[in-house]
Protein backbone atom coordinates (compact mmCIF):
# COMPACT_ATOMS: atom_id res chain seq x y z
CA UNK A 1 -1.05 -6.80 -5.12
CA UNK A 2 -3.70 -4.39 -3.95
CA UNK A 3 -3.64 -2.70 -0.55
CA UNK A 4 -6.30 -0.72 1.25
CA UNK A 5 -9.52 0.69 -0.03
CA UNK A 6 -12.47 2.47 1.45
CA UNK A 7 -16.16 2.31 2.09
CA UNK A 8 -19.06 4.48 3.09
CA UNK A 9 -18.89 6.96 5.98
CA UNK A 10 -15.17 7.62 5.38
CA UNK A 11 -14.22 4.03 6.35
CA UNK A 12 -10.68 3.03 5.31
CA UNK A 13 -9.38 -0.54 4.96
CA UNK A 14 -5.95 -2.05 5.51
CA UNK A 15 -6.22 -5.35 3.68
CA UNK A 16 -4.18 -6.97 0.90
CA UNK A 17 -5.53 -8.70 -2.22
CA UNK A 18 -3.74 -10.51 -5.02
CA UNK A 19 -4.90 -10.31 -8.66
CA UNK A 20 -4.10 -13.35 -10.80
CA UNK A 21 -3.58 -12.13 -14.36
CA UNK A 22 -4.03 -15.65 -15.75
CA UNK A 23 -7.43 -16.36 -14.18
CA UNK A 24 -8.49 -12.70 -13.80
CA UNK A 25 -9.57 -13.28 -10.20
CA UNK A 26 -8.92 -11.49 -6.89
CA UNK A 27 -7.90 -13.39 -3.75
CA UNK A 28 -7.64 -11.98 -0.22
CA UNK A 29 -4.14 -12.44 1.21
CA UNK A 30 -4.70 -13.68 4.75
CA UNK A 31 -1.06 -13.93 5.86
CA UNK A 32 1.13 -10.83 5.64
CA UNK A 33 4.21 -10.30 7.81
CA UNK A 34 5.65 -7.06 9.16
CA UNK A 35 3.86 -3.97 10.39
CA UNK A 36 1.49 -2.48 7.81
CA UNK A 37 0.81 1.23 7.47
CA UNK A 38 -2.34 2.38 9.23
CA UNK A 39 -5.50 2.39 7.12
CA UNK A 40 -5.72 5.54 5.01
CA UNK A 41 -7.37 7.08 2.00
CA UNK A 42 -6.03 9.24 -0.79
CA UNK A 43 -2.60 7.61 -0.71
CA UNK A 44 -0.42 6.85 -3.70
CA UNK A 45 0.93 3.44 -4.65
CA UNK A 46 3.52 2.50 -7.22
CA UNK A 47 4.68 -1.01 -8.15
CA UNK A 48 8.38 -1.60 -8.75
CA UNK A 49 9.18 -5.23 -9.56
CA UNK A 50 7.87 -7.36 -6.69
CA UNK A 51 7.40 -4.35 -4.41
CA UNK A 52 4.58 -1.87 -3.87
CA UNK A 53 5.44 1.50 -2.34
CA UNK A 54 2.72 3.29 -0.38
CA UNK A 55 3.14 6.95 0.48
CA UNK A 56 1.19 9.94 1.76
CA UNK A 57 -2.55 9.69 2.39
CA UNK A 58 -5.15 10.86 4.88
CA UNK A 59 -6.19 9.36 8.24
CA UNK A 60 -9.54 7.61 8.52
CA UNK A 61 -11.07 10.54 10.39
CA UNK A 62 -9.26 13.12 8.19
CA UNK A 63 -7.46 14.35 11.33
CA UNK A 64 -4.00 14.27 9.74
CA UNK A 65 -2.05 13.82 6.52
CA UNK A 66 0.70 11.19 6.31
CA UNK A 67 4.11 11.64 4.71
CA UNK A 68 5.73 8.26 5.41
CA UNK A 69 6.80 5.56 2.96
CA UNK A 70 5.92 1.88 3.41
CA UNK A 71 6.90 -1.03 1.19
CA UNK A 72 5.09 -4.33 0.62
CA UNK A 73 7.35 -6.99 -0.91
CA UNK A 74 5.83 -10.14 -2.41
CA UNK A 75 7.70 -13.44 -2.57
CA UNK A 76 5.54 -15.46 -5.00
CA UNK A 77 8.15 -18.08 -5.90
CA UNK A 78 9.32 -18.80 -2.34
CA UNK A 79 5.94 -19.44 -0.75
CA UNK A 80 6.70 -16.85 1.95
CA UNK A 81 3.94 -14.34 2.73
CA UNK A 82 4.20 -10.73 1.52
CA UNK A 83 6.10 -8.56 3.99
CA UNK A 84 5.64 -4.95 5.08
CA UNK A 85 8.72 -2.85 5.83
CA UNK A 86 9.31 0.83 6.40
CA UNK A 87 12.40 1.78 4.43
CA UNK A 88 14.67 4.52 5.66
CA UNK A 89 14.42 7.33 3.17
CA UNK A 90 16.72 10.34 3.00
CA UNK A 91 13.90 12.81 2.48
CA UNK A 92 10.11 12.75 2.58
CA UNK A 93 7.49 14.07 0.22
CA UNK A 94 5.27 16.68 1.80
CA UNK A 95 2.33 15.16 3.63
CA UNK A 96 -0.75 15.02 1.49
CA UNK A 97 -3.46 13.01 -0.11
CA UNK A 98 -4.34 12.04 -3.66
CA UNK A 99 -0.79 12.53 -4.88
CA UNK A 100 -0.05 11.17 -8.33
CA UNK A 101 2.82 8.96 -9.42
CA UNK A 102 4.05 7.31 -12.56
CA UNK A 103 7.07 5.66 -14.16
CA UNK A 104 10.23 7.67 -14.60
CA UNK A 105 11.59 8.14 -18.13
């Protein structure tokens, strides 16, 4: 799954695309349930199993930095659409943009 993106003039997107590793093609996901995070740039994403975590980032007009965590869960075998949730986390990373992430050892 791919979420977001950006364009010229600081435009940020809030769409979801699916990449098929067998056919090597992208497909727009038209049906997504739940409340997505607002469009943002400079955020970090990490995939864990069938989930993608989105955190931090910068507002479209650069007016603020986000520190929340959002999760997009895919259900490819069930036929249900991907679903956005906002998990309750015990602590938050500091608000920021262009944060890095990677697998833990």
